[in-house]
Structure formats: C-alpha cells, structure tokens
Amino acid sequence: MATPEQIQQEKAARRAAIRTEYWRTMTNPHAHLHGESSGVFDTGLARFQAMRVNHFEHFKPTGRTLKIGMLTTVIPIVAYAIMMKRERDAREKEYRTGQVAYKDRRFKFI
C-alpha cells in the first residue's frame, strides 16, 4: 500500500508532466504549420461537456425530482395565475357596481 508521501510524489510528478506538456504546446511557434489549435486539449473539460450534453439521456425521474419540478415551475405559475385572476375579478366587480368612476379606471377598455 502506498504511503501518503508516495501518493503526494506521484501527484507532483503527474502535475509536472501536465505542466511541461502545457508549456510545450502553448509555446510551440510552429503549431500552426501542423494544423494544431493554439489551445491544449483538456480531457477533464471534455468529460464535463459530454456529461452536460448527455445529462437528460441518463435522467431518472424520482419523487424528489418531481417535487423540485413542481416547486420551481408548476406551483409558481399556478399561484401567479390565481393571484392575477382574483385581482382582476375584484377590479371588475368594482367597475360593474359603480364604485370606480369611468374616468378613474386604470384601463378604459376592460
């Protein structure tokens, strides 16, 4: 079994290899002759982007995701619609019973 010191040395060696590869690639003045891009291919970033693209292919609906979806989309939309309906009905009732003069109405064509 590797000791913590050996693990640190292996990590440092990997970091040094990646660092030298990065500098070799970024400072190569002839990279454009070979058709290489000016950037370094980052495997971690590529894996992350692939995960983001394939997220919905591996999505598993559960009770938790249903609750989150309901709380963040459906319930706020329905609550806002109910609030607007109640406010509009109350305003319409005031208009129809004559409590608000025509000149004082917010929207004259309701």
PDB file of N, CA and C in Angstrom:
ATOM      1  N   MET A   1       0.842  -1.188   0.000  1.00  0.00           N
ATOM      2  CA  MET A   1       0.000   0.000   0.000  1.00  0.00           C
ATOM      3  C   MET A   1       0.882   1.244   0.000  1.00  0.00           C
ATOM      4  N   ALA A   2       0.483   2.215  -0.782  1.00  0.00           N
ATOM      5  CA  ALA A   2       1.286   3.431  -0.913  1.00  0.00           C
ATOM      6  C   ALA A   2       1.109   4.314   0.316  1.00  0.00           C
ATOM      7  N   THR A   3       2.202   4.895   0.725  1.00  0.00           N
ATOM      8  CA  THR A   3       2.144   5.818   1.856  1.00  0.00           C
ATOM      9  C   THR A   3       1.688   7.183   1.356  1.00  0.00           C
ATOM     10  N   PRO A   4       1.238   8.036   2.263  1.00  0.00           N
ATOM     11  CA  PRO A   4       0.810   9.381   1.836  1.00  0.00           C
ATOM     12  C   PRO A   4       1.916  10.166   1.131  1.00  0.00           C
ATOM     13  N   GLU A   5       3.166   9.952   1.552  1.00  0.00           N
ATOM     14  CA  GLU A   5       4.272  10.653   0.896  1.00  0.00           C
ATOM     15  C   GLU A   5       4.435  10.189  -0.547  1.00  0.00           C
ATOM     16  N   GLN A   6       4.281   8.881  -0.782  1.00  0.00           N
ATOM     17  CA  GLN A   6       4.389   8.356  -2.144  1.00  0.00           C
ATOM     18  C   GLN A   6       3.247   8.878  -3.025  1.00  0.00           C
ATOM     19  N   ILE A   7       2.063   8.952  -2.441  1.00  0.00           N
ATOM     20  CA  ILE A   7       0.913   9.478  -3.197  1.00  0.00           C
ATOM     21  C   ILE A   7       1.153  10.930  -3.579  1.00  0.00           C
ATOM     22  N   GLN A   8       1.681  11.727  -2.658  1.00  0.00           N
ATOM     23  CA  GLN A   8       1.983  13.125  -2.952  1.00  0.00           C
ATOM     24  C   GLN A   8       3.040  13.243  -4.037  1.00  0.00           C
ATOM     25  N   GLN A   9       4.055  12.382  -3.989  1.00  0.00           N
ATOM     26  CA  GLN A   9       5.104  12.412  -5.012  1.00  0.00           C
ATOM     27  C   GLN A   9       4.541  12.044  -6.385  1.00  0.00           C
ATOM     28  N   GLU A  10       3.653  11.042  -6.418  1.00  0.00           N
ATOM     29  CA  GLU A  10       3.031  10.660  -7.699  1.00  0.00           C
ATOM     30  C   GLU A  10       2.183  11.805  -8.255  1.00  0.00           C
ATOM     31  N   LYS A  11       1.423  12.453  -7.380  1.00  0.00           N
ATOM     32  CA  LYS A  11       0.612  13.592  -7.821  1.00  0.00           C
ATOM     33  C   LYS A  11       1.501  14.715  -8.342  1.00  0.00           C
ATOM     34  N   ALA A  12       2.590  14.989  -7.640  1.00  0.00           N
ATOM     35  CA  ALA A  12       3.510  16.043  -8.071  1.00  0.00           C
ATOM     36  C   ALA A  12       4.126  15.694  -9.417  1.00  0.00           C
ATOM     37  N   ALA A  13       4.464  14.416  -9.616  1.00  0.00           N
ATOM     38  CA  ALA A  13       5.037  14.000 -10.899  1.00  0.00           C
ATOM     39  C   ALA A  13       4.017  14.160 -12.022  1.00  0.00           C
ATOM     40  N   ARG A  14       2.749  13.779 -11.757  1.00  0.00           N
ATOM     41  CA  ARG A  14       1.698  13.952 -12.767  1.00  0.00           C
ATOM     42  C   ARG A  14       1.483  15.422 -13.094  1.00  0.00           C
ATOM     43  N   ARG A  15       1.456  16.261 -12.043  1.00  0.00           N
ATOM     44  CA  ARG A  15       1.286  17.698 -12.239  1.00  0.00           C
ATOM     45  C   ARG A  15       2.422  18.279 -13.066  1.00  0.00           C
ATOM     46  N   ALA A  16       3.646  17.849 -12.773  1.00  0.00           N
ATOM     47  CA  ALA A  16       4.808  18.348 -13.519  1.00  0.00           C
ATOM     48  C   ALA A  16       4.734  17.910 -14.981  1.00  0.00           C
ATOM     49  N   ALA A  17       4.313  16.683 -15.246  1.00  0.00           N
ATOM     50  CA  ALA A  17       4.189  16.208 -16.630  1.00  0.00           C
ATOM     51  C   ALA A  17       3.126  16.999 -17.381  1.00  0.00           C
ATOM     52  N   ILE A  18       2.016  17.255 -16.723  1.00  0.00           N
ATOM     53  CA  ILE A  18       0.947  18.044 -17.369  1.00  0.00           C
ATOM     54  C   ILE A  18       1.420  19.472 -17.619  1.00  0.00           C
ATOM     55  N   ARG A  19       2.138  20.036 -16.648  1.00  0.00           N
ATOM     56  CA  ARG A  19       2.635  21.408 -16.784  1.00  0.00           C
ATOM     57  C   ARG A  19       3.611  21.526 -17.953  1.00  0.00           C
ATOM     58  N   THR A  20       4.540  20.564 -18.062  1.00  0.00           N
ATOM     59  CA  THR A  20       5.506  20.631 -19.169  1.00  0.00           C
ATOM     60  C   THR A  20       4.812  20.422 -20.517  1.00  0.00           C
ATOM     61  N   GLU A  21       3.815  19.540 -20.570  1.00  0.00           N
ATOM     62  CA  GLU A  21       3.063  19.342 -21.813  1.00  0.00           C
ATOM     63  C   GLU A  21       2.327  20.628 -22.201  1.00  0.00           C
ATOM     64  N   TYR A  22       1.752  21.294 -21.220  1.00  0.00           N
ATOM     65  CA  TYR A  22       1.037  22.555 -21.478  1.00  0.00           C
ATOM     66  C   TYR A  22       1.992  23.609 -22.039  1.00  0.00           C
ATOM     67  N   TRP A  23       3.126  23.792 -21.371  1.00  0.00           N
ATOM     68  CA  TRP A  23       4.070  24.813 -21.837  1.00  0.00           C
ATOM     69  C   TRP A  23       4.650  24.454 -23.201  1.00  0.00           C
ATOM     70  N   ARG A  24       4.916  23.168 -23.438  1.00  0.00           N
ATOM     71  CA  ARG A  24       5.436  22.744 -24.733  1.00  0.00           C
ATOM     72  C   ARG A  24       4.418  23.048 -25.840  1.00  0.00           C
ATOM     73  N   THR A  25       3.152  22.799 -25.562  1.00  0.00           N
ATOM     74  CA  THR A  25       2.109  23.036 -26.565  1.00  0.00           C
ATOM     75  C   THR A  25       1.860  24.522 -26.770  1.00  0.00           C
ATOM     76  N   MET A  26       1.772  25.272 -25.692  1.00  0.00           N
ATOM     77  CA  MET A  26       1.429  26.693 -25.797  1.00  0.00           C
ATOM     78  C   MET A  26       2.569  27.538 -26.359  1.00  0.00           C
ATOM     79  N   THR A  27       3.792  27.124 -26.169  1.00  0.00           N
ATOM     80  CA  THR A  27       4.913  27.939 -26.631  1.00  0.00           C
ATOM     81  C   THR A  27       5.521  27.433 -27.928  1.00  0.00           C
ATOM     82  N   ASN A  28       4.863  26.484 -28.589  1.00  0.00           N
ATOM     83  CA  ASN A  28       5.378  25.948 -29.849  1.00  0.00           C
ATOM     84  C   ASN A  28       5.085  26.955 -30.969  1.00  0.00           C
ATOM     85  N   PRO A  29       6.113  27.604 -31.535  1.00  0.00           N
ATOM     86  CA  PRO A  29       5.862  28.612 -32.570  1.00  0.00           C
ATOM     87  C   PRO A  29       5.465  27.996 -33.909  1.00  0.00           C
ATOM     88  N   HIS A  30       5.622  26.691 -34.066  1.00  0.00           N
ATOM     89  CA  HIS A  30       5.323  26.050 -35.346  1.00  0.00           C
ATOM     90  C   HIS A  30       4.026  25.240 -35.308  1.00  0.00           C
ATOM     91  N   ALA A  31       3.213  25.455 -34.313  1.00  0.00           N
ATOM     92  CA  ALA A  31       1.979  24.665 -34.173  1.00  0.00           C
ATOM     93  C   ALA A  31       1.030  24.927 -35.344  1.00  0.00           C
ATOM     94  N   HIS A  32       1.008  26.161 -35.858  1.00  0.00           N
ATOM     95  CA  HIS A  32       0.089  26.473 -36.953  1.00  0.00           C
ATOM     96  C   HIS A  32       0.473  25.737 -38.243  1.00  0.00           C
ATOM     97  N   LEU A  33       1.727  25.353 -38.379  1.00  0.00           N
ATOM     98  CA  LEU A  33       2.162  24.635 -39.579  1.00  0.00           C
ATOM     99  C   LEU A  33       1.590  23.221 -39.629  1.00  0.00           C
ATOM    100  N   HIS A  34       1.336  22.650 -38.457  1.00  0.00           N
ATOM    101  CA  HIS A  34       0.823  21.286 -38.392  1.00  0.00           C
ATOM    102  C   HIS A  34      -0.697  21.257 -38.328  1.00  0.00           C
ATOM    103  N   GLY A  35      -1.328  22.420 -38.342  1.00  0.00           N
ATOM    104  CA  GLY A  35      -2.780  22.478 -38.254  1.00  0.00           C
ATOM    105  C   GLY A  35      -3.306  22.255 -36.853  1.00  0.00           C
ATOM    106  N   GLU A  36      -2.451  22.387 -35.853  1.00  0.00           N
ATOM    107  CA  GLU A  36      -2.882  22.216 -34.478  1.00  0.00           C
ATOM    108  C   GLU A  36      -3.514  23.504 -33.996  1.00  0.00           C
ATOM    109  N   SER A  37      -4.418  23.378 -33.062  1.00  0.00           N
ATOM    110  CA  SER A  37      -5.020  24.580 -32.488  1.00  0.00           C
ATOM    111  C   SER A  37      -4.037  25.193 -31.499  1.00  0.00           C
ATOM    112  N   SER A  38      -4.314  26.410 -31.097  1.00  0.00           N
ATOM    113  CA  SER A  38      -3.413  27.077 -30.168  1.00  0.00           C
ATOM    114  C   SER A  38      -3.682  26.668 -28.726  1.00  0.00           C
ATOM    115  N   GLY A  39      -4.770  25.945 -28.480  1.00  0.00           N
ATOM    116  CA  GLY A  39      -5.100  25.546 -27.122  1.00  0.00           C
ATOM    117  C   GLY A  39      -4.663  24.137 -26.824  1.00  0.00           C
ATOM    118  N   VAL A  40      -4.787  23.793 -25.566  1.00  0.00           N
ATOM    119  CA  VAL A  40      -4.444  22.457 -25.101  1.00  0.00           C
ATOM    120  C   VAL A  40      -5.745  21.700 -24.884  1.00  0.00           C
ATOM    121  N   PHE A  41      -5.807  20.460 -25.365  1.00  0.00           N
ATOM    122  CA  PHE A  41      -6.999  19.646 -25.177  1.00  0.00           C
ATOM    123  C   PHE A  41      -7.102  19.243 -23.718  1.00  0.00           C
ATOM    124  N   ASP A  42      -8.155  19.675 -23.074  1.00  0.00           N
ATOM    125  CA  ASP A  42      -8.363  19.375 -21.659  1.00  0.00           C
ATOM    126  C   ASP A  42      -9.350  18.224 -21.543  1.00  0.00           C
ATOM    127  N   THR A  43      -8.873  17.067 -21.124  1.00  0.00           N
ATOM    128  CA  THR A  43      -9.750  15.894 -21.042  1.00  0.00           C
ATOM    129  C   THR A  43     -10.820  16.078 -19.973  1.00  0.00           C
ATOM    130  N   GLY A  44     -10.489  16.748 -18.896  1.00  0.00           N
ATOM    131  CA  GLY A  44     -11.482  16.981 -17.842  1.00  0.00           C
ATOM    132  C   GLY A  44     -12.615  17.854 -18.345  1.00  0.00           C
ATOM    133  N   LEU A  45     -12.285  18.908 -19.088  1.00  0.00           N
ATOM    134  CA  LEU A  45     -13.315  19.779 -19.652  1.00  0.00           C
ATOM    135  C   LEU A  45     -14.144  19.038 -20.688  1.00  0.00           C
ATOM    136  N   ALA A  46     -13.502  18.194 -21.483  1.00  0.00           N
ATOM    137  CA  ALA A  46     -14.229  17.408 -22.480  1.00  0.00           C
ATOM    138  C   ALA A  46     -15.202  16.448 -21.805  1.00  0.00           C
ATOM    139  N   ARG A  47     -14.787  15.807 -20.727  1.00  0.00           N
ATOM    140  CA  ARG A  47     -15.681  14.909 -19.990  1.00  0.00           C
ATOM    141  C   ARG A  47     -16.846  15.689 -19.392  1.00  0.00           C
ATOM    142  N   PHE A  48     -16.562  16.864 -18.851  1.00  0.00           N
ATOM    143  CA  PHE A  48     -17.619  17.682 -18.255  1.00  0.00           C
ATOM    144  C   PHE A  48     -18.637  18.098 -19.304  1.00  0.00           C
ATOM    145  N   GLN A  49     -18.176  18.548 -20.466  1.00  0.00           N
ATOM    146  CA  GLN A  49     -19.096  18.953 -21.527  1.00  0.00           C
ATOM    147  C   GLN A  49     -19.904  17.768 -22.036  1.00  0.00           C
ATOM    148  N   ALA A  50     -19.291  16.601 -22.154  1.00  0.00           N
ATOM    149  CA  ALA A  50     -20.016  15.412 -22.583  1.00  0.00           C
ATOM    150  C   ALA A  50     -21.077  15.028 -21.553  1.00  0.00           C
ATOM    151  N   MET A  51     -20.752  15.186 -20.278  1.00  0.00           N
ATOM    152  CA  MET A  51     -21.722  14.896 -19.233  1.00  0.00           C
ATOM    153  C   MET A  51     -22.909  15.846 -19.315  1.00  0.00           C
ATOM    154  N   ARG A  52     -22.631  17.122 -19.584  1.00  0.00           N
ATOM    155  CA  ARG A  52     -23.719  18.098 -19.691  1.00  0.00           C
ATOM    156  C   ARG A  52     -24.622  17.791 -20.877  1.00  0.00           C
ATOM    157  N   VAL A  53     -24.048  17.358 -21.988  1.00  0.00           N
ATOM    158  CA  VAL A  53     -24.832  17.047 -23.182  1.00  0.00           C
ATOM    159  C   VAL A  53     -25.693  15.816 -22.951  1.00  0.00           C
ATOM    160  N   ASN A  54     -25.152  14.801 -22.285  1.00  0.00           N
ATOM    161  CA  ASN A  54     -25.847  13.529 -22.094  1.00  0.00           C
ATOM    162  C   ASN A  54     -26.652  13.465 -20.802  1.00  0.00           C
ATOM    163  N   HIS A  55     -26.800  14.579 -20.125  1.00  0.00           N
ATOM    164  CA  HIS A  55     -27.470  14.562 -18.819  1.00  0.00           C
ATOM    165  C   HIS A  55     -28.888  14.011 -18.920  1.00  0.00           C
ATOM    166  N   PHE A  56     -29.647  14.466 -19.901  1.00  0.00           N
ATOM    167  CA  PHE A  56     -31.050  14.071 -19.971  1.00  0.00           C
ATOM    168  C   PHE A  56     -31.230  12.649 -20.491  1.00  0.00           C
ATOM    169  N   GLU A  57     -30.226  12.094 -21.134  1.00  0.00           N
ATOM    170  CA  GLU A  57     -30.316  10.696 -21.552  1.00  0.00           C
ATOM    171  C   GLU A  57     -30.220   9.761 -20.347  1.00  0.00           C
ATOM    172  N   HIS A  58     -29.582  10.217 -19.286  1.00  0.00           N
ATOM    173  CA  HIS A  58     -29.397   9.384 -18.099  1.00  0.00           C
ATOM    174  C   HIS A  58     -30.264   9.857 -16.936  1.00  0.00           C
ATOM    175  N   PHE A  59     -31.188  10.771 -17.191  1.00  0.00           N
ATOM    176  CA  PHE A  59     -32.053  11.310 -16.135  1.00  0.00           C
ATOM    177  C   PHE A  59     -33.047  10.252 -15.685  1.00  0.00           C
ATOM    178  N   LYS A  60     -33.178  10.076 -14.373  1.00  0.00           N
ATOM    179  CA  LYS A  60     -34.138   9.125 -13.823  1.00  0.00           C
ATOM    180  C   LYS A  60     -35.148   9.897 -12.985  1.00  0.00           C
ATOM    181  N   PRO A  61     -36.403   9.938 -13.421  1.00  0.00           N
ATOM    182  CA  PRO A  61     -37.397  10.668 -12.633  1.00  0.00           C
ATOM    183  C   PRO A  61     -37.650   9.971 -11.292  1.00  0.00           C
ATOM    184  N   THR A  62     -37.588  10.736 -10.242  1.00  0.00           N
ATOM    185  CA  THR A  62     -37.853  10.220  -8.903  1.00  0.00           C
ATOM    186  C   THR A  62     -38.841  11.141  -8.221  1.00  0.00           C
ATOM    187  N   GLY A  63     -39.236  10.785  -7.038  1.00  0.00           N
ATOM    188  CA  GLY A  63     -40.139  11.649  -6.274  1.00  0.00           C
ATOM    189  C   GLY A  63     -39.501  12.985  -5.958  1.00  0.00           C
ATOM    190  N   ARG A  64     -38.213  12.962  -5.696  1.00  0.00           N
ATOM    191  CA  ARG A  64     -37.506  14.205  -5.378  1.00  0.00           C
ATOM    192  C   ARG A  64     -37.482  15.150  -6.576  1.00  0.00           C
ATOM    193  N   THR A  65     -37.177  14.614  -7.759  1.00  0.00           N
ATOM    194  CA  THR A  65     -37.143  15.484  -8.934  1.00  0.00           C
ATOM    195  C   THR A  65     -38.544  15.985  -9.286  1.00  0.00           C
ATOM    196  N   LEU A  66     -39.562  15.172  -9.018  1.00  0.00           N
ATOM    197  CA  LEU A  66     -40.939  15.623  -9.237  1.00  0.00           C
ATOM    198  C   LEU A  66     -41.253  16.794  -8.315  1.00  0.00           C
ATOM    199  N   LYS A  67     -40.885  16.676  -7.042  1.00  0.00           N
ATOM    200  CA  LYS A  67     -41.134  17.766  -6.088  1.00  0.00           C
ATOM    201  C   LYS A  67     -40.401  19.031  -6.499  1.00  0.00           C
ATOM    202  N   ILE A  68     -39.140  18.881  -6.889  1.00  0.00           N
ATOM    203  CA  ILE A  68     -38.357  20.055  -7.292  1.00  0.00           C
ATOM    204  C   ILE A  68     -38.985  20.716  -8.513  1.00  0.00           C
ATOM    205  N   GLY A  69     -39.396  19.922  -9.495  1.00  0.00           N
ATOM    206  CA  GLY A  69     -40.033  20.472 -10.686  1.00  0.00           C
ATOM    207  C   GLY A  69     -41.336  21.173 -10.364  1.00  0.00           C
ATOM    208  N   MET A  70     -42.137  20.575  -9.491  1.00  0.00           N
ATOM    209  CA  MET A  70     -43.416  21.191  -9.122  1.00  0.00           C
ATOM    210  C   MET A  70     -43.182  22.499  -8.354  1.00  0.00           C
ATOM    211  N   LEU A  71     -42.233  22.487  -7.424  1.00  0.00           N
ATOM    212  CA  LEU A  71     -41.993  23.672  -6.605  1.00  0.00           C
ATOM    213  C   LEU A  71     -41.366  24.817  -7.398  1.00  0.00           C
ATOM    214  N   THR A  72     -40.609  24.495  -8.428  1.00  0.00           N
ATOM    215  CA  THR A  72     -39.914  25.566  -9.160  1.00  0.00           C
ATOM    216  C   THR A  72     -40.642  26.026 -10.410  1.00  0.00           C
ATOM    217  N   THR A  73     -41.583  25.237 -10.943  1.00  0.00           N
ATOM    218  CA  THR A  73     -42.243  25.655 -12.178  1.00  0.00           C
ATOM    219  C   THR A  73     -43.757  25.693 -12.059  1.00  0.00           C
ATOM    220  N   VAL A  74     -44.371  24.571 -11.780  1.00  0.00           N
ATOM    221  CA  VAL A  74     -45.826  24.476 -11.861  1.00  0.00           C
ATOM    222  C   VAL A  74     -46.506  25.311 -10.781  1.00  0.00           C
ATOM    223  N   ILE A  75     -46.127  25.146  -9.537  1.00  0.00           N
ATOM    224  CA  ILE A  75     -46.795  25.850  -8.440  1.00  0.00           C
ATOM    225  C   ILE A  75     -46.653  27.372  -8.562  1.00  0.00           C
ATOM    226  N   PRO A  76     -45.474  27.938  -8.846  1.00  0.00           N
ATOM    227  CA  PRO A  76     -45.400  29.396  -9.001  1.00  0.00           C
ATOM    228  C   PRO A  76     -46.274  29.929 -10.148  1.00  0.00           C
ATOM    229  N   ILE A  77     -46.337  29.196 -11.254  1.00  0.00           N
ATOM    230  CA  ILE A  77     -47.149  29.668 -12.379  1.00  0.00           C
ATOM    231  C   ILE A  77     -48.626  29.643 -12.008  1.00  0.00           C
ATOM    232  N   VAL A  78     -49.073  28.561 -11.388  1.00  0.00           N
ATOM    233  CA  VAL A  78     -50.482  28.459 -10.994  1.00  0.00           C
ATOM    234  C   VAL A  78     -50.814  29.499  -9.922  1.00  0.00           C
ATOM    235  N   ALA A  79     -49.943  29.691  -8.953  1.00  0.00           N
ATOM    236  CA  ALA A  79     -50.185  30.681  -7.893  1.00  0.00           C
ATOM    237  C   ALA A  79     -50.272  32.085  -8.482  1.00  0.00           C
ATOM    238  N   TYR A  80     -49.395  32.414  -9.404  1.00  0.00           N
ATOM    239  CA  TYR A  80     -49.434  33.737 -10.026  1.00  0.00           C
ATOM    240  C   TYR A  80     -50.710  33.916 -10.849  1.00  0.00           C
ATOM    241  N   ALA A  81     -51.145  32.871 -11.546  1.00  0.00           N
ATOM    242  CA  ALA A  81     -52.385  32.956 -12.323  1.00  0.00           C
ATOM    243  C   ALA A  81     -53.584  33.172 -11.407  1.00  0.00           C
ATOM    244  N   ILE A  82     -53.614  32.470 -10.278  1.00  0.00           N
ATOM    245  CA  ILE A  82     -54.723  32.645  -9.329  1.00  0.00           C
ATOM    246  C   ILE A  82     -54.719  34.055  -8.759  1.00  0.00           C
ATOM    247  N   MET A  83     -53.530  34.572  -8.408  1.00  0.00           N
ATOM    248  CA  MET A  83     -53.443  35.948  -7.895  1.00  0.00           C
ATOM    249  C   MET A  83     -53.952  36.946  -8.923  1.00  0.00           C
ATOM    250  N   MET A  84     -53.536  36.798 -10.165  1.00  0.00           N
ATOM    251  CA  MET A  84     -53.987  37.733 -11.204  1.00  0.00           C
ATOM    252  C   MET A  84     -55.496  37.637 -11.397  1.00  0.00           C
ATOM    253  N   LYS A  85     -56.053  36.427 -11.396  1.00  0.00           N
ATOM    254  CA  LYS A  85     -57.488  36.236 -11.593  1.00  0.00           C
ATOM    255  C   LYS A  85     -58.280  36.901 -10.474  1.00  0.00           C
ATOM    256  N   ARG A  86     -57.851  36.698  -9.217  1.00  0.00           N
ATOM    257  CA  ARG A  86     -58.561  37.302  -8.080  1.00  0.00           C
ATOM    258  C   ARG A  86     -58.502  38.821  -8.143  1.00  0.00           C
ATOM    259  N   GLU A  87     -57.337  39.365  -8.443  1.00  0.00           N
ATOM    260  CA  GLU A  87     -57.192  40.823  -8.508  1.00  0.00           C
ATOM    261  C   GLU A  87     -58.047  41.394  -9.631  1.00  0.00           C
ATOM    262  N   ARG A  88     -58.054  40.723 -10.750  1.00  0.00           N
ATOM    263  CA  ARG A  88     -58.822  41.213 -11.891  1.00  0.00           C
ATOM    264  C   ARG A  88     -60.331  41.095 -11.635  1.00  0.00           C
ATOM    265  N   ASP A  89     -60.757  40.000 -10.990  1.00  0.00           N
ATOM    266  CA  ASP A  89     -62.178  39.854 -10.659  1.00  0.00           C
ATOM    267  C   ASP A  89     -62.624  40.927  -9.671  1.00  0.00           C
ATOM    268  N   ALA A  90     -61.770  41.231  -8.686  1.00  0.00           N
ATOM    269  CA  ALA A  90     -62.117  42.276  -7.711  1.00  0.00           C
ATOM    270  C   ALA A  90     -62.214  43.636  -8.401  1.00  0.00           C
ATOM    271  N   ARG A  91     -61.304  43.932  -9.291  1.00  0.00           N
ATOM    272  CA  ARG A  91     -61.351  45.202 -10.018  1.00  0.00           C
ATOM    273  C   ARG A  91     -62.584  45.272 -10.921  1.00  0.00           C
ATOM    274  N   GLU A  92     -62.900  44.157 -11.573  1.00  0.00           N
ATOM    275  CA  GLU A  92     -64.077  44.110 -12.445  1.00  0.00           C
ATOM    276  C   GLU A  92     -65.358  44.310 -11.633  1.00  0.00           C
ATOM    277  N   LYS A  93     -65.402  43.728 -10.426  1.00  0.00           N
ATOM    278  CA  LYS A  93     -66.579  43.902  -9.566  1.00  0.00           C
ATOM    279  C   LYS A  93     -66.751  45.362  -9.176  1.00  0.00           C
ATOM    280  N   GLU A  94     -65.642  46.037  -8.844  1.00  0.00           N
ATOM    281  CA  GLU A  94     -65.718  47.464  -8.510  1.00  0.00           C
ATOM    282  C   GLU A  94     -66.214  48.277  -9.702  1.00  0.00           C
ATOM    283  N   TYR A  95     -65.757  47.950 -10.887  1.00  0.00           N
ATOM    284  CA  TYR A  95     -66.192  48.671 -12.086  1.00  0.00           C
ATOM    285  C   TYR A  95     -67.681  48.459 -12.330  1.00  0.00           C
ATOM    286  N   ARG A  96     -68.157  47.213 -12.210  1.00  0.00           N
ATOM    287  CA  ARG A  96     -69.544  46.884 -12.533  1.00  0.00           C
ATOM    288  C   ARG A  96     -70.532  47.408 -11.497  1.00  0.00           C
ATOM    289  N   THR A  97     -70.092  47.525 -10.236  1.00  0.00           N
ATOM    290  CA  THR A  97     -71.001  48.039  -9.205  1.00  0.00           C
ATOM    291  C   THR A  97     -70.967  49.558  -9.128  1.00  0.00           C
ATOM    292  N   GLY A  98     -70.121  50.198  -9.892  1.00  0.00           N
ATOM    293  CA  GLY A  98     -70.078  51.655  -9.929  1.00  0.00           C
ATOM    294  C   GLY A  98     -69.250  52.280  -8.838  1.00  0.00           C
ATOM    295  N   GLN A  99     -68.424  51.539  -8.157  1.00  0.00           N
ATOM    296  CA  GLN A  99     -67.587  52.092  -7.094  1.00  0.00           C
ATOM    297  C   GLN A  99     -66.434  52.921  -7.660  1.00  0.00           C
ATOM    298  N   VAL A 100     -66.067  52.681  -8.926  1.00  0.00           N
ATOM    299  CA  VAL A 100     -64.985  53.420  -9.569  1.00  0.00           C
ATOM    300  C   VAL A 100     -65.586  54.143 -10.774  1.00  0.00           C
ATOM    301  N   ALA A 101     -65.374  55.453 -10.818  1.00  0.00           N
ATOM    302  CA  ALA A 101     -65.887  56.231 -11.941  1.00  0.00           C
ATOM    303  C   ALA A 101     -65.123  55.860 -13.212  1.00  0.00           C
ATOM    304  N   TYR A 102     -65.796  56.076 -14.359  1.00  0.00           N
ATOM    305  CA  TYR A 102     -65.177  55.700 -15.625  1.00  0.00           C
ATOM    306  C   TYR A 102     -63.866  56.441 -15.837  1.00  0.00           C
ATOM    307  N   LYS A 103     -63.817  57.698 -15.453  1.00  0.00           N
ATOM    308  CA  LYS A 103     -62.591  58.490 -15.658  1.00  0.00           C
ATOM    309  C   LYS A 103     -61.441  58.033 -14.758  1.00  0.00           C
ATOM    310  N   ASP A 104     -61.748  57.328 -13.663  1.00  0.00           N
ATOM    311  CA  ASP A 104     -60.723  56.876 -12.740  1.00  0.00           C
ATOM    312  C   ASP A 104     -60.255  55.442 -13.000  1.00  0.00           C
ATOM    313  N   ARG A 105     -60.812  54.778 -13.988  1.00  0.00           N
ATOM    314  CA  ARG A 105     -60.419  53.407 -14.279  1.00  0.00           C
ATOM    315  C   ARG A 105     -58.987  53.357 -14.808  1.00  0.00           C
ATOM    316  N   ARG A 106     -58.305  52.275 -14.452  1.00  0.00           N
ATOM    317  CA  ARG A 106     -56.921  52.119 -14.914  1.00  0.00           C
ATOM    318  C   ARG A 106     -56.870  51.844 -16.409  1.00  0.00           C
ATOM    319  N   PHE A 107     -57.742  50.959 -16.868  1.00  0.00           N
ATOM    320  CA  PHE A 107     -57.801  50.622 -18.296  1.00  0.00           C
ATOM    321  C   PHE A 107     -59.223  50.840 -18.753  1.00  0.00           C
ATOM    322  N   LYS A 108     -59.421  51.756 -19.667  1.00  0.00           N
ATOM    323  CA  LYS A 108     -60.767  52.155 -20.065  1.00  0.00           C
ATOM    324  C   LYS A 108     -61.457  51.112 -20.944  1.00  0.00           C
ATOM    325  N   PHE A 109     -60.758  50.168 -21.516  1.00  0.00           N
ATOM    326  CA  PHE A 109     -61.363  49.242 -22.466  1.00  0.00           C
ATOM    327  C   PHE A 109     -61.527  47.834 -21.888  1.00  0.00           C
ATOM    328  N   ILE A 110     -61.657  47.738 -20.572  1.00  0.00           N
ATOM    329  CA  ILE A 110     -61.879  46.418 -19.956  1.00  0.00           C
ATOM    330  C   ILE A 110     -63.366  46.194 -19.859  1.00  0.00           C
TER     331      ILE A 110
END
